[in-house]
Amino acid sequence: MSTLPKKNELGFFEIRLESIGGLGANLAGKMLAEAGVLGMGLNGSNFSSYGSEKKGSPIKTFIRFTDPEVEIRDHSPIEVPHVVAIFHEELYKTVNVVSGLPADGIVLVNSTRDFDEIRRDLKLEYGTLAVVDGMGIAVEEKTKVNTSMLGALYRICDFLDPEDMRNTIRNTFGKKYPHLVEPNIRTFDRGYNEVKFKTYEVPADAEGKAFKRSVTVYGYESQPLGGVILAQANTILKDMSGSRQGFIPEFNAEKCISCAQCDVVCGDMCFVWEEEPNKRGIMQMVLKGIDYQYCKGCLKCVDACPTGALQDLREEVGYAEAHRVPSRFNFVLGGA
């Protein structure tokens, strides 16, 4: 008898992880598949999809499980997952993280927010929403988000045995990083125990989210000759909040001496300066704040600041918008 709670037409139970580079989703997918195959005797496969491996870039990780007697011959990306785990909730601003989710699907989100707020942002009409403070657990245990999310996933996928994942954690970290074994097991257990659920009733005629595959504007038939870029420049419109890994720099103007060490190490020109006279009437540049729209949360500025005017802060929803000092692009605004 099959232990899988649901199967698609090919006999697969499918999970998709939505994350950004640096949070460990790729490793989490490998560990999840390994534990299911070696521990439960299931057939399973895992692979990831991403562009550059730069931290902050969106990635997807796919896990398929099926009964031992069924071969997995489908190695295409998962378009209609039974479970979606969102490692970084700000991703919904730039990525359709719930694309293809069935009406009765389950969404796991790393967040501290209320269920209804998350549901509104993800545009979920029905199904089950699971929420865990994966980042908070990881910070307290000095580990990574991926292990706490694995704990929550094991609570969702109750056909899997948590002890198998504990053994996988021991095998993964035991040889090279033995000091990380126990903290990661604690993180896994906390994710398993602290995840919370809320189910929104699914009507009989409910339809799932339609899967939308992104299509590039230009291909070999439509690309202009000579590689001319016809699109208008849009760098100043970019919102980099989806690249942050849970922390942002907090600015304290009273401690700032406008030494510009932060601006030297910032690769995205997040710091906003204005020219003001000093006590002698000499004009000088003064740091006014941070334009969080362009901040990726690398925290290099915090390391460079000599006065402690910049400190790392666990990002809360709405903080960046409330404390953002917008950059002024004079040429765009029509000035000189």
C-alpha atoms as a PDB file:
ATOM      1  CA  MET A   1       0.000   0.000   0.000  1.00  0.00           C
ATOM      2  CA  SER A   2       1.321   3.446  -0.934  1.00  0.00           C
ATOM      3  CA  THR A   3       2.339   5.832   1.855  1.00  0.00           C
ATOM      4  CA  LEU A   4       2.044   8.897  -0.379  1.00  0.00           C
ATOM      5  CA  PRO A   5      -0.987  11.058   0.536  1.00  0.00           C
ATOM      6  CA  LYS A   6      -1.539  12.301  -3.022  1.00  0.00           C
ATOM      7  CA  LYS A   7      -0.288  11.528  -6.519  1.00  0.00           C
ATOM      8  CA  ASN A   8      -0.539  13.182  -9.891  1.00  0.00           C
ATOM      9  CA  GLU A   9      -1.383  11.349 -13.116  1.00  0.00           C
ATOM     10  CA  LEU A  10       2.162   9.974 -13.302  1.00  0.00           C
ATOM     11  CA  GLY A  11       2.075   8.673  -9.721  1.00  0.00           C
ATOM     12  CA  PHE A  12       4.313  11.406  -8.261  1.00  0.00           C
ATOM     13  CA  PHE A  13       4.057  13.460  -5.094  1.00  0.00           C
ATOM     14  CA  GLU A  14       5.795  16.734  -5.962  1.00  0.00           C
ATOM     15  CA  ILE A  15       7.321  19.551  -3.901  1.00  0.00           C
ATOM     16  CA  ARG A  16       8.713  22.865  -5.149  1.00  0.00           C
ATOM     17  CA  LEU A  17      10.979  25.106  -3.078  1.00  0.00           C
ATOM     18  CA  GLU A  18      11.032  28.815  -3.934  1.00  0.00           C
ATOM     19  CA  SER A  19      14.051  30.670  -2.582  1.00  0.00           C
ATOM     20  CA  ILE A  20      17.013  32.925  -3.289  1.00  0.00           C
ATOM     21  CA  GLY A  21      20.665  31.952  -3.476  1.00  0.00           C
ATOM     22  CA  GLY A  22      22.292  31.790  -0.051  1.00  0.00           C
ATOM     23  CA  LEU A  23      19.422  30.369   2.018  1.00  0.00           C
ATOM     24  CA  GLY A  24      20.314  26.724   1.361  1.00  0.00           C
ATOM     25  CA  ALA A  25      17.250  25.595  -0.606  1.00  0.00           C
ATOM     26  CA  ASN A  26      19.380  23.546  -3.011  1.00  0.00           C
ATOM     27  CA  LEU A  27      20.930  21.577  -0.132  1.00  0.00           C
ATOM     28  CA  ALA A  28      17.511  21.263   1.529  1.00  0.00           C
ATOM     29  CA  GLY A  29      16.110  19.630  -1.619  1.00  0.00           C
ATOM     30  CA  LYS A  30      18.985  17.154  -1.756  1.00  0.00           C
ATOM     31  CA  MET A  31      18.587  16.244   1.917  1.00  0.00           C
ATOM     32  CA  LEU A  32      14.805  15.890   1.608  1.00  0.00           C
ATOM     33  CA  ALA A  33      15.098  13.546  -1.373  1.00  0.00           C
ATOM     34  CA  GLU A  34      17.910  11.552   0.269  1.00  0.00           C
ATOM     35  CA  ALA A  35      15.956  11.033   3.477  1.00  0.00           C
ATOM     36  CA  GLY A  36      12.856   9.873   1.580  1.00  0.00           C
ATOM     37  CA  VAL A  37      14.799   7.443  -0.599  1.00  0.00           C
ATOM     38  CA  LEU A  38      17.219   5.981   1.939  1.00  0.00           C
ATOM     39  CA  GLY A  39      14.927   6.201   4.948  1.00  0.00           C
ATOM     40  CA  MET A  40      11.503   5.349   3.557  1.00  0.00           C
ATOM     41  CA  GLY A  41      12.512   3.283   0.527  1.00  0.00           C
ATOM     42  CA  LEU A  42      10.661   5.564  -1.870  1.00  0.00           C
ATOM     43  CA  ASN A  43      11.856   6.401  -5.349  1.00  0.00           C
ATOM     44  CA  GLY A  44      12.800  10.055  -5.510  1.00  0.00           C
ATOM     45  CA  SER A  45      14.592  12.694  -7.528  1.00  0.00           C
ATOM     46  CA  ASN A  46      15.829  16.209  -6.896  1.00  0.00           C
ATOM     47  CA  PHE A  47      17.296  19.015  -8.988  1.00  0.00           C
ATOM     48  CA  SER A  48      17.377  22.799  -9.004  1.00  0.00           C
ATOM     49  CA  SER A  49      16.898  25.578 -11.491  1.00  0.00           C
ATOM     50  CA  TYR A  50      18.779  28.867 -11.297  1.00  0.00           C
ATOM     51  CA  GLY A  51      20.831  31.281 -13.374  1.00  0.00           C
ATOM     52  CA  SER A  52      23.996  32.629 -11.830  1.00  0.00           C
ATOM     53  CA  GLU A  53      24.767  31.246  -8.393  1.00  0.00           C
ATOM     54  CA  LYS A  54      25.011  34.722  -6.938  1.00  0.00           C
ATOM     55  CA  LYS A  55      23.480  35.247  -3.517  1.00  0.00           C
ATOM     56  CA  GLY A  56      20.070  36.845  -3.772  1.00  0.00           C
ATOM     57  CA  SER A  57      19.171  35.428  -7.197  1.00  0.00           C
ATOM     58  CA  PRO A  58      15.828  33.557  -7.349  1.00  0.00           C
ATOM     59  CA  ILE A  59      16.134  29.775  -7.493  1.00  0.00           C
ATOM     60  CA  LYS A  60      13.725  26.844  -7.611  1.00  0.00           C
ATOM     61  CA  THR A  61      14.356  23.369  -6.226  1.00  0.00           C
ATOM     62  CA  PHE A  62      12.228  20.369  -7.211  1.00  0.00           C
ATOM     63  CA  ILE A  63      11.604  17.101  -5.319  1.00  0.00           C
ATOM     64  CA  ARG A  64       9.618  14.137  -6.637  1.00  0.00           C
ATOM     65  CA  PHE A  65       8.597  11.070  -4.637  1.00  0.00           C
ATOM     66  CA  THR A  66       6.891   7.953  -5.923  1.00  0.00           C
ATOM     67  CA  ASP A  67       6.279   4.375  -4.815  1.00  0.00           C
ATOM     68  CA  PRO A  68       9.274   1.988  -4.972  1.00  0.00           C
ATOM     69  CA  GLU A  69       7.911   0.042  -7.939  1.00  0.00           C
ATOM     70  CA  VAL A  70       7.398   3.185 -10.079  1.00  0.00           C
ATOM     71  CA  GLU A  71      10.307   4.520 -12.122  1.00  0.00           C
ATOM     72  CA  ILE A  72      10.852   8.273 -12.420  1.00  0.00           C
ATOM     73  CA  ARG A  73      11.329   9.101 -16.076  1.00  0.00           C
ATOM     74  CA  ASP A  74      10.105  12.682 -15.889  1.00  0.00           C
ATOM     75  CA  HIS A  75      12.915  15.148 -15.200  1.00  0.00           C
ATOM     76  CA  SER A  76      11.141  18.351 -16.180  1.00  0.00           C
ATOM     77  CA  PRO A  77      10.587  21.211 -13.709  1.00  0.00           C
ATOM     78  CA  ILE A  78       7.597  20.775 -11.409  1.00  0.00           C
ATOM     79  CA  GLU A  79       4.720  22.899 -12.683  1.00  0.00           C
ATOM     80  CA  VAL A  80       1.833  21.619 -10.544  1.00  0.00           C
ATOM     81  CA  PRO A  81       3.260  20.942  -7.061  1.00  0.00           C
ATOM     82  CA  HIS A  82       1.328  19.454  -4.166  1.00  0.00           C
ATOM     83  CA  VAL A  83       3.443  21.553  -1.761  1.00  0.00           C
ATOM     84  CA  VAL A  84       5.221  24.878  -2.277  1.00  0.00           C
ATOM     85  CA  ALA A  85       7.740  26.062   0.326  1.00  0.00           C
ATOM     86  CA  ILE A  86       8.679  29.742   0.163  1.00  0.00           C
ATOM     87  CA  PHE A  87      11.995  30.332   1.917  1.00  0.00           C
ATOM     88  CA  HIS A  88      11.883  34.102   1.387  1.00  0.00           C
ATOM     89  CA  GLU A  89       8.459  35.719   1.484  1.00  0.00           C
ATOM     90  CA  GLU A  90       9.466  38.891  -0.394  1.00  0.00           C
ATOM     91  CA  LEU A  91       9.878  36.736  -3.511  1.00  0.00           C
ATOM     92  CA  TYR A  92       6.196  37.158  -4.325  1.00  0.00           C
ATOM     93  CA  LYS A  93       6.968  40.721  -5.484  1.00  0.00           C
ATOM     94  CA  THR A  94       9.095  39.494  -8.404  1.00  0.00           C
ATOM     95  CA  VAL A  95       8.278  35.772  -8.810  1.00  0.00           C
ATOM     96  CA  ASN A  96       4.919  34.013  -9.156  1.00  0.00           C
ATOM     97  CA  VAL A  97       5.732  31.623  -6.318  1.00  0.00           C
ATOM     98  CA  VAL A  98       2.333  29.875  -6.260  1.00  0.00           C
ATOM     99  CA  SER A  99       2.131  29.311 -10.008  1.00  0.00           C
ATOM    100  CA  GLY A 100       0.500  25.951 -10.776  1.00  0.00           C
ATOM    101  CA  LEU A 101      -0.611  25.266  -7.181  1.00  0.00           C
ATOM    102  CA  PRO A 102      -3.755  23.069  -7.033  1.00  0.00           C
ATOM    103  CA  ALA A 103      -6.835  24.380  -5.239  1.00  0.00           C
ATOM    104  CA  ASP A 104      -6.184  22.059  -2.276  1.00  0.00           C
ATOM    105  CA  GLY A 105      -2.402  22.584  -2.321  1.00  0.00           C
ATOM    106  CA  ILE A 106      -0.274  23.506   0.684  1.00  0.00           C
ATOM    107  CA  VAL A 107       1.943  26.601   0.880  1.00  0.00           C
ATOM    108  CA  LEU A 108       4.665  26.878   3.529  1.00  0.00           C
ATOM    109  CA  VAL A 109       6.030  30.391   4.146  1.00  0.00           C
ATOM    110  CA  ASN A 110       8.999  31.554   6.199  1.00  0.00           C
ATOM    111  CA  SER A 111       7.373  34.514   7.935  1.00  0.00           C
ATOM    112  CA  THR A 112       6.294  36.095  11.211  1.00  0.00           C
ATOM    113  CA  ARG A 113       3.172  37.676   9.749  1.00  0.00           C
ATOM    114  CA  ASP A 114      -0.494  36.858  10.170  1.00  0.00           C
ATOM    115  CA  PHE A 115      -2.066  34.162   7.980  1.00  0.00           C
ATOM    116  CA  ASP A 116      -4.547  36.516   6.346  1.00  0.00           C
ATOM    117  CA  GLU A 117      -1.857  39.059   5.429  1.00  0.00           C
ATOM    118  CA  ILE A 118       0.230  36.395   3.734  1.00  0.00           C
ATOM    119  CA  ARG A 119      -2.838  34.979   2.005  1.00  0.00           C
ATOM    120  CA  ARG A 120      -3.675  38.423   0.620  1.00  0.00           C
ATOM    121  CA  ASP A 121      -0.158  39.026  -0.729  1.00  0.00           C
ATOM    122  CA  LEU A 122       0.063  35.577  -2.330  1.00  0.00           C
ATOM    123  CA  LYS A 123      -3.492  35.905  -3.703  1.00  0.00           C
ATOM    124  CA  LEU A 124      -4.541  32.535  -2.294  1.00  0.00           C
ATOM    125  CA  GLU A 125      -8.274  31.920  -2.391  1.00  0.00           C
ATOM    126  CA  TYR A 126      -8.272  28.516  -0.672  1.00  0.00           C
ATOM    127  CA  GLY A 127      -6.061  25.623   0.401  1.00  0.00           C
ATOM    128  CA  THR A 128      -3.772  25.245   3.394  1.00  0.00           C
ATOM    129  CA  LEU A 129      -1.294  27.878   4.522  1.00  0.00           C
ATOM    130  CA  ALA A 130       1.568  26.900   6.842  1.00  0.00           C
ATOM    131  CA  VAL A 131       3.734  29.552   8.529  1.00  0.00           C
ATOM    132  CA  VAL A 132       6.993  29.172  10.460  1.00  0.00           C
ATOM    133  CA  ASP A 133       9.528  31.748  11.628  1.00  0.00           C
ATOM    134  CA  GLY A 134      12.362  29.896   9.945  1.00  0.00           C
ATOM    135  CA  MET A 135      14.707  32.875  10.001  1.00  0.00           C
ATOM    136  CA  GLY A 136      14.111  33.547  13.690  1.00  0.00           C
ATOM    137  CA  ILE A 137      14.811  29.924  14.587  1.00  0.00           C
ATOM    138  CA  ALA A 138      17.975  29.910  12.459  1.00  0.00           C
ATOM    139  CA  VAL A 139      19.269  33.118  14.069  1.00  0.00           C
ATOM    140  CA  GLU A 140      18.694  31.781  17.581  1.00  0.00           C
ATOM    141  CA  GLU A 141      20.325  28.426  16.828  1.00  0.00           C
ATOM    142  CA  LYS A 142      23.097  29.991  14.669  1.00  0.00           C
ATOM    143  CA  THR A 143      22.238  27.818  11.659  1.00  0.00           C
ATOM    144  CA  LYS A 144      20.501  28.438   8.327  1.00  0.00           C
ATOM    145  CA  VAL A 145      16.897  28.798   7.271  1.00  0.00           C
ATOM    146  CA  ASN A 146      16.952  25.581   5.235  1.00  0.00           C
ATOM    147  CA  THR A 147      17.015  23.252   8.260  1.00  0.00           C
ATOM    148  CA  SER A 148      14.085  24.953   9.992  1.00  0.00           C
ATOM    149  CA  MET A 149      12.113  24.852   6.732  1.00  0.00           C
ATOM    150  CA  LEU A 150      12.904  21.137   6.411  1.00  0.00           C
ATOM    151  CA  GLY A 151      11.409  20.629   9.866  1.00  0.00           C
ATOM    152  CA  ALA A 152       8.204  22.382   8.816  1.00  0.00           C
ATOM    153  CA  LEU A 153       8.115  20.392   5.555  1.00  0.00           C
ATOM    154  CA  TYR A 154       8.334  17.146   7.502  1.00  0.00           C
ATOM    155  CA  ARG A 155       5.315  18.209   9.539  1.00  0.00           C
ATOM    156  CA  ILE A 156       3.450  18.780   6.261  1.00  0.00           C
ATOM    157  CA  CYS A 157       4.719  15.580   4.601  1.00  0.00           C
ATOM    158  CA  ASP A 158       3.687  13.313   7.468  1.00  0.00           C
ATOM    159  CA  PHE A 159       4.382  10.188   5.392  1.00  0.00           C
ATOM    160  CA  LEU A 160       8.093  10.861   6.018  1.00  0.00           C
ATOM    161  CA  ASP A 161       9.836   9.848   9.256  1.00  0.00           C
ATOM    162  CA  PRO A 162      11.577  12.771  11.043  1.00  0.00           C
ATOM    163  CA  GLU A 163      14.265  10.430  12.372  1.00  0.00           C
ATOM    164  CA  ASP A 164      15.382   9.799   8.793  1.00  0.00           C
ATOM    165  CA  MET A 165      16.084  13.517   8.382  1.00  0.00           C
ATOM    166  CA  ARG A 166      17.996  13.634  11.649  1.00  0.00           C
ATOM    167  CA  ASN A 167      20.189  10.831  10.315  1.00  0.00           C
ATOM    168  CA  THR A 168      20.610  12.716   7.039  1.00  0.00           C
ATOM    169  CA  ILE A 169      21.699  15.817   8.973  1.00  0.00           C
ATOM    170  CA  ARG A 170      24.281  13.724  10.812  1.00  0.00           C
ATOM    171  CA  ASN A 171      25.571  12.285   7.536  1.00  0.00           C
ATOM    172  CA  THR A 172      25.612  15.672   5.785  1.00  0.00           C
ATOM    173  CA  PHE A 173      27.437  17.663   8.459  1.00  0.00           C
ATOM    174  CA  GLY A 174      29.108  14.973  10.543  1.00  0.00           C
ATOM    175  CA  LYS A 175      32.392  14.577   8.672  1.00  0.00           C
ATOM    176  CA  LYS A 176      33.342  18.143   7.785  1.00  0.00           C
ATOM    177  CA  TYR A 177      31.318  20.156  10.293  1.00  0.00           C
ATOM    178  CA  PRO A 178      30.610  17.968  13.350  1.00  0.00           C
ATOM    179  CA  HIS A 179      29.992  21.046  15.507  1.00  0.00           C
ATOM    180  CA  LEU A 180      26.964  21.890  13.319  1.00  0.00           C
ATOM    181  CA  VAL A 181      25.177  18.571  13.761  1.00  0.00           C
ATOM    182  CA  GLU A 182      23.373  19.216  17.041  1.00  0.00           C
ATOM    183  CA  PRO A 183      22.434  22.859  16.272  1.00  0.00           C
ATOM    184  CA  ASN A 184      20.918  21.748  12.952  1.00  0.00           C
ATOM    185  CA  ILE A 185      18.990  18.925  14.594  1.00  0.00           C
ATOM    186  CA  ARG A 186      17.627  21.415  17.134  1.00  0.00           C
ATOM    187  CA  THR A 187      16.716  23.764  14.275  1.00  0.00           C
ATOM    188  CA  PHE A 188      14.957  20.930  12.437  1.00  0.00           C
ATOM    189  CA  ASP A 189      13.003  19.922  15.555  1.00  0.00           C
ATOM    190  CA  ARG A 190      11.950  23.504  16.230  1.00  0.00           C
ATOM    191  CA  GLY A 191      10.755  23.947  12.651  1.00  0.00           C
ATOM    192  CA  TYR A 192       8.768  20.712  12.996  1.00  0.00           C
ATOM    193  CA  ASN A 193       7.163  21.752  16.285  1.00  0.00           C
ATOM    194  CA  GLU A 194       6.658  25.489  15.715  1.00  0.00           C
ATOM    195  CA  VAL A 195       5.011  25.520  12.273  1.00  0.00           C
ATOM    196  CA  LYS A 196       1.362  26.627  12.355  1.00  0.00           C
ATOM    197  CA  PHE A 197      -1.439  25.854   9.914  1.00  0.00           C
ATOM    198  CA  LYS A 198      -4.630  27.462   8.684  1.00  0.00           C
ATOM    199  CA  THR A 199      -6.916  25.881   6.096  1.00  0.00           C
ATOM    200  CA  TYR A 200      -9.220  27.919   3.878  1.00  0.00           C
ATOM    201  CA  GLU A 201     -12.202  25.918   2.713  1.00  0.00           C
ATOM    202  CA  VAL A 202     -11.944  24.632  -0.838  1.00  0.00           C
ATOM    203  CA  PRO A 203     -15.242  24.795  -2.805  1.00  0.00           C
ATOM    204  CA  ALA A 204     -16.209  21.762  -4.888  1.00  0.00           C
ATOM    205  CA  ASP A 205     -15.755  23.700  -8.140  1.00  0.00           C
ATOM    206  CA  ALA A 206     -12.499  25.415  -7.119  1.00  0.00           C
ATOM    207  CA  GLU A 207      -9.712  25.672  -9.682  1.00  0.00           C
ATOM    208  CA  GLY A 208      -6.004  25.761  -8.975  1.00  0.00           C
ATOM    209  CA  LYS A 209      -3.525  28.438  -9.970  1.00  0.00           C
ATOM    210  CA  ALA A 210      -2.726  28.297 -13.662  1.00  0.00           C
ATOM    211  CA  PHE A 211       0.935  27.635 -14.350  1.00  0.00           C
ATOM    212  CA  LYS A 212       2.597  30.383 -16.360  1.00  0.00           C
ATOM    213  CA  ARG A 213       5.913  29.724 -18.037  1.00  0.00           C
ATOM    214  CA  SER A 214       8.020  32.822 -18.541  1.00  0.00           C
ATOM    215  CA  VAL A 215       8.782  33.571 -22.176  1.00  0.00           C
ATOM    216  CA  THR A 216      11.645  35.801 -23.255  1.00  0.00           C
ATOM    217  CA  VAL A 217      10.739  38.835 -25.354  1.00  0.00           C
ATOM    218  CA  TYR A 218      13.412  38.171 -27.960  1.00  0.00           C
ATOM    219  CA  GLY A 219      14.341  34.893 -29.623  1.00  0.00           C
ATOM    220  CA  TYR A 220      16.267  33.884 -32.714  1.00  0.00           C
ATOM    221  CA  GLU A 221      13.364  34.973 -34.930  1.00  0.00           C
ATOM    222  CA  SER A 222      12.506  38.258 -33.199  1.00  0.00           C
ATOM    223  CA  GLN A 223      15.892  39.587 -32.023  1.00  0.00           C
ATOM    224  CA  PRO A 224      16.824  42.799 -33.908  1.00  0.00           C
ATOM    225  CA  LEU A 225      19.896  42.576 -36.112  1.00  0.00           C
ATOM    226  CA  GLY A 226      23.124  43.711 -34.512  1.00  0.00           C
ATOM    227  CA  GLY A 227      21.974  42.959 -30.973  1.00  0.00           C
ATOM    228  CA  VAL A 228      20.375  46.387 -30.552  1.00  0.00           C
ATOM    229  CA  ILE A 229      18.618  46.812 -27.220  1.00  0.00           C
ATOM    230  CA  LEU A 230      15.324  48.528 -27.898  1.00  0.00           C
ATOM    231  CA  ALA A 231      14.010  48.443 -24.326  1.00  0.00           C
ATOM    232  CA  GLN A 232      14.140  51.608 -22.278  1.00  0.00           C
ATOM    233  CA  ALA A 233      16.636  51.526 -19.380  1.00  0.00           C
ATOM    234  CA  ASN A 234      14.883  50.482 -16.181  1.00  0.00           C
ATOM    235  CA  THR A 235      17.575  50.050 -13.523  1.00  0.00           C
ATOM    236  CA  ILE A 236      16.115  52.766 -11.283  1.00  0.00           C
ATOM    237  CA  LEU A 237      12.782  50.914 -11.251  1.00  0.00           C
ATOM    238  CA  LYS A 238      14.253  47.714  -9.791  1.00  0.00           C
ATOM    239  CA  ASP A 239      13.166  46.616  -6.326  1.00  0.00           C
ATOM    240  CA  MET A 240      15.922  44.592  -4.648  1.00  0.00           C
ATOM    241  CA  SER A 241      13.948  43.669  -1.514  1.00  0.00           C
ATOM    242  CA  GLY A 242      13.512  40.146  -2.864  1.00  0.00           C
ATOM    243  CA  SER A 243      17.287  39.624  -2.717  1.00  0.00           C
ATOM    244  CA  ARG A 244      17.654  40.304   0.987  1.00  0.00           C
ATOM    245  CA  GLN A 245      18.204  37.319   3.266  1.00  0.00           C
ATOM    246  CA  GLY A 246      16.360  38.657   6.302  1.00  0.00           C
ATOM    247  CA  PHE A 247      18.628  41.491   7.477  1.00  0.00           C
ATOM    248  CA  ILE A 248      19.103  45.118   6.486  1.00  0.00           C
ATOM    249  CA  PRO A 249      21.377  47.920   7.704  1.00  0.00           C
ATOM    250  CA  GLU A 250      19.820  50.270  10.262  1.00  0.00           C
ATOM    251  CA  PHE A 251      21.028  53.886  10.070  1.00  0.00           C
ATOM    252  CA  ASN A 252      21.604  56.054  13.151  1.00  0.00           C
ATOM    253  CA  ALA A 253      22.217  59.634  11.965  1.00  0.00           C
ATOM    254  CA  GLU A 254      23.442  60.812  15.388  1.00  0.00           C
ATOM    255  CA  LYS A 255      26.486  58.519  15.204  1.00  0.00           C
ATOM    256  CA  CYS A 256      27.264  59.214  11.538  1.00  0.00           C
ATOM    257  CA  ILE A 257      30.299  61.344  10.626  1.00  0.00           C
ATOM    258  CA  SER A 258      29.640  61.166   6.855  1.00  0.00           C
ATOM    259  CA  CYS A 259      32.984  59.505   6.234  1.00  0.00           C
ATOM    260  CA  ALA A 260      31.535  57.669   3.188  1.00  0.00           C
ATOM    261  CA  GLN A 261      33.121  54.325   4.065  1.00  0.00           C
ATOM    262  CA  CYS A 262      29.693  52.753   3.605  1.00  0.00           C
ATOM    263  CA  ASP A 263      29.332  54.300   0.171  1.00  0.00           C
ATOM    264  CA  VAL A 264      32.746  52.986  -0.871  1.00  0.00           C
ATOM    265  CA  VAL A 265      31.803  49.344  -0.231  1.00  0.00           C
ATOM    266  CA  CYS A 266      28.193  49.559  -1.443  1.00  0.00           C
ATOM    267  CA  GLY A 267      27.893  48.156  -4.930  1.00  0.00           C
ATOM    268  CA  ASP A 268      24.340  49.397  -5.480  1.00  0.00           C
ATOM    269  CA  MET A 269      24.576  53.083  -4.526  1.00  0.00           C
ATOM    270  CA  CYS A 270      21.974  52.739  -1.775  1.00  0.00           C
ATOM    271  CA  PHE A 271      23.167  55.726   0.273  1.00  0.00           C
ATOM    272  CA  VAL A 272      21.562  59.115  -0.249  1.00  0.00           C
ATOM    273  CA  TRP A 273      23.689  62.247   0.169  1.00  0.00           C
ATOM    274  CA  GLU A 274      22.894  65.957   0.227  1.00  0.00           C
ATOM    275  CA  GLU A 275      25.162  68.996   0.154  1.00  0.00           C
ATOM    276  CA  GLU A 276      24.925  71.131   3.300  1.00  0.00           C
ATOM    277  CA  PRO A 277      27.072  73.838   4.927  1.00  0.00           C
ATOM    278  CA  ASN A 278      29.051  72.869   8.022  1.00  0.00           C
ATOM    279  CA  LYS A 279      29.621  75.098  11.077  1.00  0.00           C
ATOM    280  CA  ARG A 280      32.140  77.169   9.109  1.00  0.00           C
ATOM    281  CA  GLY A 281      29.774  77.607   6.211  1.00  0.00           C
ATOM    282  CA  ILE A 282      31.765  75.293   3.975  1.00  0.00           C
ATOM    283  CA  MET A 283      29.609  73.060   1.800  1.00  0.00           C
ATOM    284  CA  GLN A 284      30.036  69.320   2.365  1.00  0.00           C
ATOM    285  CA  MET A 285      28.210  66.109   1.574  1.00  0.00           C
ATOM    286  CA  VAL A 286      26.077  64.708   4.410  1.00  0.00           C
ATOM    287  CA  LEU A 287      24.582  61.220   4.544  1.00  0.00           C
ATOM    288  CA  LYS A 288      20.808  61.440   4.839  1.00  0.00           C
ATOM    289  CA  GLY A 289      19.839  57.762   4.848  1.00  0.00           C
ATOM    290  CA  ILE A 290      19.408  54.587   2.847  1.00  0.00           C
ATOM    291  CA  ASP A 291      17.302  53.958  -0.220  1.00  0.00           C
ATOM    292  CA  TYR A 292      16.190  50.433   0.682  1.00  0.00           C
ATOM    293  CA  GLN A 293      14.691  49.932  -2.774  1.00  0.00           C
ATOM    294  CA  TYR A 294      18.196  49.114  -4.032  1.00  0.00           C
ATOM    295  CA  CYS A 295      19.561  47.413  -0.903  1.00  0.00           C
ATOM    296  CA  LYS A 296      20.317  43.668  -1.234  1.00  0.00           C
ATOM    297  CA  GLY A 297      21.109  43.298   2.474  1.00  0.00           C
ATOM    298  CA  CYS A 298      24.757  42.292   1.986  1.00  0.00           C
ATOM    299  CA  LEU A 299      25.674  44.287   5.162  1.00  0.00           C
ATOM    300  CA  LYS A 300      29.136  45.222   3.850  1.00  0.00           C
ATOM    301  CA  CYS A 301      28.348  48.757   4.962  1.00  0.00           C
ATOM    302  CA  VAL A 302      27.847  47.575   8.542  1.00  0.00           C
ATOM    303  CA  ASP A 303      31.305  45.997   8.539  1.00  0.00           C
ATOM    304  CA  ALA A 304      32.865  49.137   7.061  1.00  0.00           C
ATOM    305  CA  CYS A 305      31.222  51.699   9.365  1.00  0.00           C
ATOM    306  CA  PRO A 306      33.809  52.949  11.932  1.00  0.00           C
ATOM    307  CA  THR A 307      31.329  54.623  14.306  1.00  0.00           C
ATOM    308  CA  GLY A 308      28.524  52.099  14.652  1.00  0.00           C
ATOM    309  CA  ALA A 309      26.095  54.346  12.795  1.00  0.00           C
ATOM    310  CA  LEU A 310      25.106  51.288  10.752  1.00  0.00           C
ATOM    311  CA  GLN A 311      23.955  48.114  12.500  1.00  0.00           C
ATOM    312  CA  ASP A 312      22.390  44.935  11.171  1.00  0.00           C
ATOM    313  CA  LEU A 313      18.659  44.643  11.823  1.00  0.00           C
ATOM    314  CA  ARG A 314      16.260  41.726  11.380  1.00  0.00           C
ATOM    315  CA  GLU A 315      13.937  43.041   8.708  1.00  0.00           C
ATOM    316  CA  GLU A 316      10.270  43.340   9.529  1.00  0.00           C
ATOM    317  CA  VAL A 317       7.556  43.863   6.955  1.00  0.00           C
ATOM    318  CA  GLY A 318       7.062  47.578   6.305  1.00  0.00           C
ATOM    319  CA  TYR A 319      10.280  48.765   7.982  1.00  0.00           C
ATOM    320  CA  ALA A 320      12.170  49.428   4.735  1.00  0.00           C
ATOM    321  CA  GLU A 321       9.257  51.353   3.232  1.00  0.00           C
ATOM    322  CA  ALA A 322       8.807  53.451   6.377  1.00  0.00           C
ATOM    323  CA  HIS A 323      12.509  54.326   6.757  1.00  0.00           C
ATOM    324  CA  ARG A 324      13.498  54.611   3.104  1.00  0.00           C
ATOM    325  CA  VAL A 325      15.139  57.853   1.978  1.00  0.00           C
ATOM    326  CA  PRO A 326      14.426  57.951  -1.787  1.00  0.00           C
ATOM    327  CA  SER A 327      17.241  58.674  -4.198  1.00  0.00           C
ATOM    328  CA  ARG A 328      16.803  61.741  -6.367  1.00  0.00           C
ATOM    329  CA  PHE A 329      17.607  61.230 -10.030  1.00  0.00           C
ATOM    330  CA  ASN A 330      17.745  64.787 -11.330  1.00  0.00           C
ATOM    331  CA  PHE A 331      17.994  63.944 -15.012  1.00  0.00           C
ATOM    332  CA  VAL A 332      15.002  61.597 -14.783  1.00  0.00           C
ATOM    333  CA  LEU A 333      13.008  64.214 -12.891  1.00  0.00           C
ATOM    334  CA  GLY A 334      13.881  66.859 -15.443  1.00  0.00           C
ATOM    335  CA  GLY A 335      16.476  68.772 -13.414  1.00  0.00           C
ATOM    336  CA  ALA A 336      20.157  69.401 -14.125  1.00  0.00           C
END
